[in-house]
């Protein structure tokens, strides 16, 4: 009886291996299985980096501070909210070509007239904060250099300023909160993608 239990798994393994070998390419290697991970790599290959998109957006906005950045994979574009001396500028950059798709300016005068809107009542960020680029480098140091920034935002809670960053690589999604005053990592989460 014991021999049958041993022979059955071995026979099943031989059959499974033989079935996989039947699908092998002429090179003798097994044919690759297309996964969601491979599809994401194919879609994003040839896209510009978040750093490159940030420089393009800042130039289109005429300078300022990036308050929020997001990569919209469906529309294949980076979306930026930039706060400058003349007000807020929303910029969209094509993720493949780097072309500026949209630049929309909000005047500060409009902000004063619209006190009911909570976003407009945000207090200005102090000058002693680390830059968004520094926060991105800290987050990549924690998540790994292969991680691509999907979203980055400077936020204020109870008088404390911090950057909220979302990154993604081939296998994981990361959420990193960084203290904007001293660059310390406040929170780090790593999830399977």
Protein backbone atom coordinates (compact mmCIF):
# COMPACT_ATOMS: atom_id res chain seq x y z
CA UNK A 1 0.00 0.00 0.00
CA UNK A 2 2.83 2.42 0.82
CA UNK A 3 4.41 1.93 -2.60
CA UNK A 4 1.24 3.10 -4.39
CA UNK A 5 1.18 6.36 -2.41
CA UNK A 6 4.78 7.01 -3.37
CA UNK A 7 4.39 6.09 -7.04
CA UNK A 8 1.26 8.21 -7.64
CA UNK A 9 2.87 11.61 -6.75
CA UNK A 10 6.02 10.76 -8.70
CA UNK A 11 3.96 9.80 -11.77
CA UNK A 12 1.89 13.00 -11.47
CA UNK A 13 5.09 15.05 -11.30
CA UNK A 14 6.53 13.35 -14.40
CA UNK A 15 3.30 13.98 -16.33
CA UNK A 16 3.19 17.64 -15.26
CA UNK A 17 6.82 18.20 -16.23
CA UNK A 18 6.27 16.47 -19.58
CA UNK A 19 3.24 18.69 -20.22
CA UNK A 20 5.29 21.83 -19.55
CA UNK A 21 8.08 20.60 -21.81
CA UNK A 22 5.60 20.19 -24.64
CA UNK A 23 5.05 23.97 -24.56
CA UNK A 24 8.77 24.81 -24.56
CA UNK A 25 10.22 26.93 -27.35
CA UNK A 26 12.84 25.60 -29.75
CA UNK A 27 15.56 27.11 -27.51
CA UNK A 28 14.90 24.45 -24.90
CA UNK A 29 13.62 27.00 -22.36
CA UNK A 30 10.09 27.01 -21.07
CA UNK A 31 7.83 29.59 -22.71
CA UNK A 32 7.23 32.64 -20.44
CA UNK A 33 3.84 32.97 -18.81
CA UNK A 34 2.28 36.40 -19.31
CA UNK A 35 1.36 37.88 -15.94
CA UNK A 36 -0.23 41.12 -14.85
CA UNK A 37 3.24 42.19 -13.70
CA UNK A 38 4.66 41.65 -17.21
CA UNK A 39 1.76 43.57 -18.73
CA UNK A 40 2.42 46.56 -16.44
CA UNK A 41 6.09 46.51 -17.46
CA UNK A 42 5.12 46.45 -21.15
CA UNK A 43 2.70 49.35 -20.71
CA UNK A 44 5.12 51.56 -18.79
CA UNK A 45 8.27 50.76 -20.74
CA UNK A 46 9.34 53.83 -22.61
CA UNK A 47 7.51 56.18 -20.23
CA UNK A 48 9.39 59.12 -18.75
CA UNK A 49 10.36 58.99 -15.08
CA UNK A 50 8.56 60.89 -12.33
CA UNK A 51 11.64 63.10 -11.89
CA UNK A 52 11.65 64.04 -15.59
CA UNK A 53 7.89 64.72 -15.52
CA UNK A 54 8.35 66.93 -12.43
CA UNK A 55 10.99 69.08 -14.17
CA UNK A 56 8.74 69.47 -17.23
CA UNK A 57 5.74 70.43 -15.05
CA UNK A 58 7.74 72.95 -13.00
CA UNK A 59 9.03 74.57 -16.19
CA UNK A 60 5.48 74.76 -17.62
CA UNK A 61 4.20 76.31 -14.38
CA UNK A 62 6.99 78.88 -14.27
CA UNK A 63 8.48 77.42 -11.09
CA UNK A 64 7.00 76.91 -7.66
CA UNK A 65 6.55 74.02 -5.26
CA UNK A 66 4.97 70.69 -6.24
CA UNK A 67 2.15 70.13 -3.75
CA UNK A 68 0.77 66.97 -5.34
CA UNK A 69 1.78 64.56 -8.09
CA UNK A 70 -0.03 61.50 -9.43
CA UNK A 71 0.57 59.05 -12.25
CA UNK A 72 -2.70 58.18 -13.99
CA UNK A 73 -1.85 54.89 -15.74
CA UNK A 74 -5.19 54.71 -17.56
CA UNK A 75 -4.80 58.14 -19.19
CA UNK A 76 -1.02 57.72 -19.41
CA UNK A 77 -0.27 61.08 -17.85
CA UNK A 78 1.30 62.66 -14.80
CA UNK A 79 -0.91 65.18 -12.99
CA UNK A 80 0.66 67.94 -10.89
CA UNK A 81 -0.60 70.59 -8.50
CA UNK A 82 2.05 73.29 -8.21
CA UNK A 83 1.86 76.27 -5.87
CA UNK A 84 3.75 79.34 -7.09
CA UNK A 85 3.91 83.04 -6.30
CA UNK A 86 0.98 83.82 -8.60
CA UNK A 87 -1.25 80.99 -7.31
CA UNK A 88 -1.91 77.35 -8.00
CA UNK A 89 -1.13 75.73 -11.35
CA UNK A 90 -2.43 72.32 -12.46
CA UNK A 91 -0.23 70.68 -15.08
CA UNK A 92 -0.73 67.41 -16.97
CA UNK A 93 2.28 65.79 -18.69
CA UNK A 94 2.07 62.92 -21.19
CA UNK A 95 3.85 59.96 -19.55
CA UNK A 96 5.26 58.64 -22.82
CA UNK A 97 6.29 61.74 -24.79
CA UNK A 98 6.79 64.27 -21.97
CA UNK A 99 4.54 66.79 -23.77
CA UNK A 100 2.60 69.23 -21.60
CA UNK A 101 -1.06 68.35 -22.19
CA UNK A 102 -2.68 70.98 -19.97
CA UNK A 103 -1.72 73.97 -17.88
CA UNK A 104 -4.47 75.56 -15.81
CA UNK A 105 -3.85 78.50 -13.48
CA UNK A 106 -5.96 79.47 -10.49
CA UNK A 107 -5.51 83.09 -9.43
CA UNK A 108 -5.04 83.91 -5.75
CA UNK A 109 -7.83 86.48 -6.08
CA UNK A 110 -10.26 83.65 -6.79
CA UNK A 111 -9.07 81.91 -3.62
CA UNK A 112 -9.98 84.92 -1.48
CA UNK A 113 -13.48 85.01 -2.95
CA UNK A 114 -14.06 81.33 -2.30
CA UNK A 115 -13.54 80.92 1.48
CA UNK A 116 -15.93 77.94 1.68
CA UNK A 117 -13.52 75.72 -0.23
CA UNK A 118 -11.29 73.96 2.35
CA UNK A 119 -8.38 73.43 -0.08
CA UNK A 120 -8.08 77.17 -0.59
CA UNK A 121 -7.90 77.82 3.15
CA UNK A 122 -4.72 75.78 3.58
CA UNK A 123 -1.97 77.69 5.27
CA UNK A 124 1.20 78.29 3.30
CA UNK A 125 4.00 75.80 3.88
CA UNK A 126 6.94 77.15 5.88
CA UNK A 127 10.30 77.67 4.19
CA UNK A 128 12.22 75.23 6.40
CA UNK A 129 10.74 72.07 4.81
CA UNK A 130 12.66 69.53 2.75
CA UNK A 131 11.82 69.60 -0.96
CA UNK A 132 9.56 67.05 -2.63
CA UNK A 133 12.58 65.74 -4.55
CA UNK A 134 14.38 65.08 -1.25
CA UNK A 135 11.29 63.30 0.09
CA UNK A 136 11.15 61.15 -3.06
CA UNK A 137 14.82 60.17 -2.64
CA UNK A 138 14.19 59.22 1.01
CA UNK A 139 11.14 57.14 0.01
CA UNK A 140 13.09 55.39 -2.77
CA UNK A 141 15.86 54.68 -0.26
CA UNK A 142 13.30 52.91 1.91
CA UNK A 143 11.32 51.16 -0.88
CA UNK A 144 14.21 50.50 -3.27
CA UNK A 145 15.53 52.40 -6.26
CA UNK A 146 13.39 50.37 -8.70
CA UNK A 147 10.19 51.76 -7.13
CA UNK A 148 8.44 54.37 -9.28
CA UNK A 149 6.62 57.28 -7.64
CA UNK A 150 2.90 57.14 -8.40
CA UNK A 151 1.73 59.94 -6.13
CA UNK A 152 3.37 62.52 -3.89
CA UNK A 153 1.65 65.16 -1.79
CA UNK A 154 2.68 67.69 0.84
CA UNK A 155 0.08 67.75 3.59
CA UNK A 156 -0.41 69.40 6.97
CA UNK A 157 -2.08 67.76 9.97
CA UNK A 158 -2.35 69.57 13.32
CA UNK A 159 0.46 71.96 12.45
CA UNK A 160 2.86 69.19 11.32
CA UNK A 161 3.89 69.06 7.65
CA UNK A 162 4.59 65.71 5.99
CA UNK A 163 4.89 64.17 2.54
CA UNK A 164 2.59 61.30 1.62
CA UNK A 165 4.13 59.19 -1.15
CA UNK A 166 2.87 56.15 -3.02
CA UNK A 167 5.41 54.07 -4.94
CA UNK A 168 5.21 50.87 -6.93
CA UNK A 169 7.68 48.38 -8.34
CA UNK A 170 7.19 45.05 -10.15
CA UNK A 171 6.03 43.23 -7.04
CA UNK A 172 4.97 45.67 -4.32
CA UNK A 173 3.14 48.88 -3.60
CA UNK A 174 4.55 51.18 -0.94
CA UNK A 175 3.06 54.01 1.10
CA UNK A 176 5.60 56.24 2.80
CA UNK A 177 4.96 59.23 5.08
CA UNK A 178 7.95 61.49 5.64
CA UNK A 179 8.25 64.35 8.13
CA UNK A 180 8.72 67.41 5.92
CA UNK A 181 10.74 69.27 8.54
CA UNK A 182 13.43 66.70 9.35
CA UNK A 183 13.10 63.98 6.64
CA UNK A 184 12.33 61.16 9.09
CA UNK A 185 10.14 58.31 7.86
CA UNK A 186 6.95 58.47 9.93
CA UNK A 187 5.14 55.52 8.37
CA UNK A 188 6.12 52.81 5.87
CA UNK A 189 3.73 50.21 4.43
CA UNK A 190 4.56 47.52 1.87
CA UNK A 191 1.79 45.56 0.17
CA UNK A 192 1.78 42.93 -2.55
CA UNK A 193 0.79 44.57 -5.85
